[in-house]
Amino acid sequence: MKRMAYLAVFVALLAAVALGGVLHPAMAQGGNPLTAQVPLLVPEVISVRPHDTSAYTQGFLLYDGSLFESTGLRGESTLREVDPETGEVLRMIPVADEYFAEGLERVDDRLIQLTWQEHQAFVYDLESFEQIDSYTYEGEGWGLCYDGRFLFMSDGSPFLSLRDAETFELLVQSMVTLQGRPVERLNELECVGDYVYANVWQTDYILQINKWNGVVVAVIDASGLLTDEEQASLQSPSQDVLNGIAYNPETDTFLITGKRWPRMFEVRFVPAEPEGGSGGS
């Protein structure tokens, strides 16, 4: 099945689970959003690096030449600093067994790590990995990113929560829509300029979202990064899915991976080729 056919199926699935066809307020004007054209992008692979297959990746970010990673599962959750070139784990601390670690973000000299259902966010000193604070919140914690002013948080619903970067106070929630339909299962996040990039849990898709109005402006089809052999070797193919987006502003590239994947990929997101390729019969 060609990429555009996959996108059509994805949009149809979203329509099937839409919350009563509710539209984002920002899309209420200016024509029918269901007929809007959403560009389809694909990852152009620049380099391939090793990734620790024990890392159930939940949060992923690049800073000052290092990769910081939050890994999940109760009894296995960790906070890590990783060499982004070799995949070597440079330092790692465990999270208490009763917590399922989730998204991760840096704010100045602090790292903030979410937990899934425990309503706790742990705050660490970036330099020492010492826990220096914690926040509480309602609902689940999935993904987290910081745009230099606000934190954006996902909880598996169609909503992104905007939070104060210093206090973690909830400021406002915004619905994310694709062609006018709410998007469920927003997971790991990365803030880049005017956009939030979001993995969609248990799919091969990443969404590029306008952070000001919640509208999806592009869909990235990241299927096919692993070989058939690598896919077959995953511990749990239904769970070991694409998750992890880290932006490198120095190269204008992204580092992406999946849960317990053997590799991570340096990529740029480029337009998908039209069906039929570039002029072949």
Protein backbone atom coordinates (compact mmCIF):
# COMPACT_ATOMS: atom_id res chain seq x y z
CA MET A 1 0.00 0.00 0.00
CA LYS A 2 1.37 3.39 -0.99
CA ARG A 3 2.04 6.16 1.55
CA MET A 4 -0.97 8.25 0.58
CA ALA A 5 -3.20 5.24 1.04
CA TYR A 6 -1.77 4.78 4.53
CA LEU A 7 -2.51 8.42 5.28
CA ALA A 8 -6.10 8.01 4.09
CA VAL A 9 -6.55 5.02 6.40
CA PHE A 10 -5.02 6.99 9.29
CA VAL A 11 -7.39 9.92 8.75
CA ALA A 12 -10.35 7.53 8.49
CA LEU A 13 -9.40 5.92 11.80
CA LEU A 14 -9.21 9.33 13.44
CA ALA A 15 -12.65 10.18 12.09
CA ALA A 16 -14.02 6.93 13.52
CA VAL A 17 -12.91 7.84 17.05
CA ALA A 18 -13.55 11.59 16.84
CA LEU A 19 -15.34 13.14 19.77
CA GLY A 20 -18.62 13.85 18.07
CA GLY A 21 -16.92 15.66 15.20
CA VAL A 22 -15.88 18.54 17.46
CA LEU A 23 -13.72 21.08 15.65
CA HIS A 24 -10.99 23.20 17.16
CA PRO A 25 -12.29 26.77 17.61
CA ALA A 26 -9.43 28.13 15.49
CA MET A 27 -10.72 26.09 12.53
CA ALA A 28 -14.31 27.29 12.74
CA GLN A 29 -13.76 29.88 10.02
CA GLY A 30 -12.38 29.78 6.53
CA GLY A 31 -13.92 26.82 4.69
CA ASN A 32 -14.37 23.15 5.39
CA PRO A 33 -11.39 21.78 7.36
CA LEU A 34 -12.27 18.21 6.34
CA THR A 35 -11.22 18.99 2.76
CA ALA A 36 -7.97 20.71 3.74
CA GLN A 37 -4.78 19.28 2.32
CA VAL A 38 -2.31 18.10 4.96
CA PRO A 39 1.21 17.59 3.56
CA LEU A 40 2.72 14.12 3.95
CA LEU A 41 6.40 14.08 4.94
CA VAL A 42 8.90 11.25 5.35
CA PRO A 43 12.22 11.00 7.19
CA GLU A 44 15.30 11.37 5.01
CA VAL A 45 17.93 9.32 6.87
CA ILE A 46 21.28 11.08 7.26
CA SER A 47 22.96 8.71 9.70
CA VAL A 48 22.17 5.63 11.77
CA ARG A 49 23.43 5.17 15.33
CA PRO A 50 23.20 2.36 17.92
CA HIS A 51 20.49 2.44 20.58
CA ASP A 52 20.28 0.42 23.78
CA THR A 53 17.65 -2.30 23.29
CA SER A 54 16.88 -2.28 27.03
CA ALA A 55 15.69 1.35 26.79
CA TYR A 56 11.90 1.54 26.71
CA THR A 57 12.10 5.09 25.36
CA GLN A 58 9.61 7.59 26.78
CA GLY A 59 11.44 10.94 26.68
CA PHE A 60 14.24 12.01 24.33
CA LEU A 61 16.16 15.29 24.08
CA LEU A 62 19.49 16.66 22.87
CA TYR A 63 21.43 19.31 24.78
CA ASP A 64 25.05 20.46 24.77
CA GLY A 65 26.31 17.44 22.84
CA SER A 66 24.51 14.85 24.98
CA LEU A 67 21.32 12.87 24.58
CA PHE A 68 19.07 12.65 27.64
CA GLU A 69 16.59 9.79 27.75
CA SER A 70 13.78 8.76 30.06
CA THR A 71 12.87 5.07 29.94
CA GLY A 72 9.71 3.48 31.25
CA LEU A 73 8.12 0.33 32.70
CA ARG A 74 7.66 -0.19 36.42
CA GLY A 75 10.78 -1.62 37.98
CA GLU A 76 12.85 -0.66 34.91
CA SER A 77 12.40 3.12 34.62
CA THR A 78 15.56 5.24 34.41
CA LEU A 79 16.98 8.66 33.67
CA ARG A 80 20.00 8.51 31.35
CA GLU A 81 22.67 10.57 29.66
CA VAL A 82 23.69 8.93 26.39
CA ASP A 83 26.38 9.55 23.78
CA PRO A 84 24.26 10.49 20.73
CA GLU A 85 26.88 9.18 18.30
CA THR A 86 27.60 5.77 19.80
CA GLY A 87 24.53 5.10 21.93
CA GLU A 88 26.76 4.45 24.96
CA VAL A 89 25.01 5.09 28.27
CA LEU A 90 27.28 7.58 30.06
CA ARG A 91 25.34 7.70 33.32
CA MET A 92 22.05 6.35 34.54
CA ILE A 93 19.96 6.50 37.68
CA PRO A 94 16.96 4.26 38.46
CA VAL A 95 13.48 5.52 39.19
CA ALA A 96 11.71 3.90 42.16
CA ASP A 97 9.97 0.66 41.22
CA GLU A 98 6.45 1.98 41.86
CA TYR A 99 6.82 4.63 39.12
CA PHE A 100 6.47 4.27 35.35
CA ALA A 101 8.63 7.07 33.93
CA GLU A 102 7.42 8.97 30.88
CA GLY A 103 8.30 12.21 29.05
CA LEU A 104 11.40 14.29 29.76
CA GLU A 105 12.37 17.91 29.18
CA ARG A 106 15.09 20.36 30.14
CA VAL A 107 14.32 23.80 31.56
CA ASP A 108 17.56 25.74 32.12
CA ASP A 109 19.67 23.59 34.45
CA ARG A 110 16.83 21.24 35.43
CA LEU A 111 15.44 18.05 33.94
CA ILE A 112 11.72 17.35 34.43
CA GLN A 113 10.58 13.72 34.13
CA LEU A 114 6.91 12.76 34.03
CA THR A 115 5.35 9.58 35.39
CA TRP A 116 2.47 7.77 33.72
CA GLN A 117 -0.27 7.26 36.32
CA GLU A 118 1.40 8.37 39.54
CA HIS A 119 0.64 12.11 39.15
CA GLN A 120 4.26 13.00 39.88
CA ALA A 121 6.93 14.86 37.92
CA PHE A 122 10.48 14.57 39.22
CA VAL A 123 12.89 17.49 38.92
CA TYR A 124 16.62 16.76 38.66
CA ASP A 125 19.74 18.88 38.65
CA LEU A 126 21.10 18.57 35.13
CA GLU A 127 24.72 18.38 36.22
CA SER A 128 24.43 15.90 39.09
CA PHE A 129 21.17 14.01 38.32
CA GLU A 130 20.23 14.67 41.96
CA GLN A 131 16.48 14.98 42.48
CA ILE A 132 15.88 18.50 43.75
CA ASP A 133 12.10 18.90 43.53
CA SER A 134 8.84 17.33 42.36
CA TYR A 135 5.50 18.50 41.01
CA THR A 136 2.04 16.95 41.21
CA TYR A 137 -0.58 17.02 38.46
CA GLU A 138 -3.96 15.51 37.65
CA GLY A 139 -4.38 12.85 34.98
CA GLU A 140 -1.72 10.87 33.17
CA GLY A 141 1.70 12.00 32.02
CA TRP A 142 2.89 11.03 28.53
CA GLY A 143 5.09 13.58 26.71
CA LEU A 144 6.72 16.91 27.56
CA CYS A 145 8.52 19.67 25.65
CA TYR A 146 9.62 23.25 26.29
CA ASP A 147 9.58 26.13 23.81
CA GLY A 148 11.71 28.47 25.92
CA ARG A 149 8.67 29.99 27.60
CA PHE A 150 6.06 27.32 28.29
CA LEU A 151 5.94 23.57 28.80
CA PHE A 152 3.65 21.52 26.57
CA MET A 153 2.41 18.22 28.00
CA SER A 154 0.47 15.30 26.51
CA ASP A 155 -1.63 12.76 28.40
CA GLY A 156 -2.80 10.40 25.65
CA SER A 157 -5.89 12.51 24.93
CA PRO A 158 -6.41 14.95 22.02
CA PHE A 159 -5.35 17.82 24.30
CA LEU A 160 -1.99 19.47 24.91
CA SER A 161 -1.62 21.16 28.29
CA LEU A 162 0.27 24.43 28.48
CA ARG A 163 2.12 24.71 31.82
CA ASP A 164 4.22 27.26 33.63
CA ALA A 165 7.88 26.26 33.27
CA GLU A 166 8.76 27.28 36.84
CA THR A 167 5.77 26.07 38.85
CA PHE A 168 4.27 23.44 36.51
CA GLU A 169 0.90 25.13 36.99
CA LEU A 170 -1.66 24.24 34.32
CA LEU A 171 -2.43 27.36 32.29
CA VAL A 172 -4.67 26.17 29.44
CA GLN A 173 -5.47 23.11 27.34
CA SER A 174 -5.71 23.08 23.54
CA MET A 175 -7.26 20.39 21.36
CA VAL A 176 -5.10 18.96 18.54
CA THR A 177 -6.98 18.37 15.30
CA LEU A 178 -6.17 16.74 11.97
CA GLN A 179 -8.53 17.79 9.19
CA GLY A 180 -10.94 18.97 11.87
CA ARG A 181 -10.91 15.75 13.91
CA PRO A 182 -9.37 15.34 17.37
CA VAL A 183 -6.22 13.23 17.47
CA GLU A 184 -5.99 10.67 20.26
CA ARG A 185 -2.84 9.10 21.77
CA LEU A 186 -0.48 12.06 21.48
CA ASN A 187 2.71 10.82 23.10
CA GLU A 188 6.37 11.94 23.11
CA LEU A 189 6.76 15.62 22.19
CA GLU A 190 9.42 17.95 20.79
CA CYS A 191 9.06 21.75 20.60
CA VAL A 192 10.68 23.39 17.56
CA GLY A 193 9.89 27.03 16.76
CA ASP A 194 6.17 27.48 16.18
CA TYR A 195 5.54 23.74 16.16
CA VAL A 196 5.15 20.78 18.47
CA TYR A 197 6.12 17.41 16.99
CA ALA A 198 4.22 14.48 18.52
CA ASN A 199 4.46 10.73 18.19
CA VAL A 200 1.06 9.06 17.87
CA TRP A 201 1.20 6.03 20.17
CA GLN A 202 1.22 2.64 18.44
CA THR A 203 1.52 4.14 14.97
CA ASP A 204 4.43 5.02 12.68
CA TYR A 205 3.25 8.61 12.44
CA ILE A 206 4.64 11.85 13.84
CA LEU A 207 2.45 14.96 13.70
CA GLN A 208 3.71 18.50 13.13
CA ILE A 209 1.32 20.68 15.13
CA ASN A 210 0.90 24.45 15.07
CA LYS A 211 1.42 25.16 18.76
CA TRP A 212 -0.74 28.30 18.66
CA ASN A 213 -3.99 26.69 17.48
CA GLY A 214 -3.46 22.91 17.73
CA VAL A 215 -3.91 22.30 14.00
CA VAL A 216 -1.84 19.52 12.44
CA VAL A 217 0.04 21.09 9.53
CA ALA A 218 1.91 17.96 8.36
CA VAL A 219 1.88 14.21 8.93
CA ILE A 220 5.23 12.38 8.94
CA ASP A 221 5.17 8.71 7.89
CA ALA A 222 8.17 7.15 9.65
CA SER A 223 7.39 3.54 8.80
CA GLY A 224 10.08 1.27 7.40
CA LEU A 225 13.03 2.61 9.38
CA LEU A 226 13.82 -0.79 10.87
CA THR A 227 14.62 -3.74 8.63
CA ASP A 228 12.28 -6.73 8.59
CA GLU A 229 14.84 -8.66 10.64
CA GLU A 230 15.09 -5.88 13.24
CA GLN A 231 11.32 -5.61 13.42
CA ALA A 232 11.03 -9.36 13.95
CA SER A 233 13.63 -9.28 16.74
CA LEU A 234 11.71 -6.77 18.91
CA GLN A 235 10.61 -8.13 22.26
CA SER A 236 7.01 -7.01 21.79
CA PRO A 237 6.20 -5.58 18.34
CA SER A 238 2.88 -4.12 19.54
CA GLN A 239 4.61 -2.20 22.34
CA ASP A 240 8.11 -1.56 20.96
CA VAL A 241 6.94 1.18 18.65
CA LEU A 242 8.22 4.47 17.29
CA ASN A 243 8.70 6.88 20.19
CA GLY A 244 11.38 9.51 20.70
CA ILE A 245 11.97 12.82 18.90
CA ALA A 246 14.99 15.01 19.67
CA TYR A 247 15.80 18.15 17.66
CA ASN A 248 19.36 19.33 17.04
CA PRO A 249 19.32 23.09 16.27
CA GLU A 250 22.98 23.06 15.23
CA THR A 251 22.28 20.79 12.26
CA ASP A 252 18.53 21.39 11.86
CA THR A 253 17.99 17.64 12.07
CA PHE A 254 16.06 15.26 14.30
CA LEU A 255 17.16 12.13 16.13
CA ILE A 256 14.31 9.61 16.31
CA THR A 257 14.00 6.08 17.68
CA GLY A 258 11.54 3.65 19.23
CA LYS A 259 11.02 1.70 22.43
CA ARG A 260 13.77 -0.97 22.74
CA TRP A 261 14.85 -0.30 19.16
CA PRO A 262 18.39 -1.32 18.20
CA ARG A 263 18.99 1.88 16.28
CA MET A 264 18.28 5.59 16.27
CA PHE A 265 18.16 7.68 13.13
CA GLU A 266 19.37 11.19 12.34
CA VAL A 267 16.81 12.53 9.86
CA ARG A 268 15.31 15.49 8.10
CA PHE A 269 11.60 15.55 7.33
CA VAL A 270 11.06 16.03 3.59
CA PRO A 271 8.00 15.85 1.28
CA ALA A 272 6.97 12.33 0.31
CA GLU A 273 7.28 11.46 -3.35
CA PRO A 274 3.96 11.51 -5.20
CA GLU A 275 2.41 8.13 -5.96
CA GLY A 276 4.15 6.66 -8.97
CA GLY A 277 7.53 8.13 -7.97
CA SER A 278 9.42 10.66 -10.07
CA GLY A 279 8.10 9.93 -13.52
CA GLY A 280 8.61 6.18 -13.93
CA SER A 281 6.03 4.06 -15.67
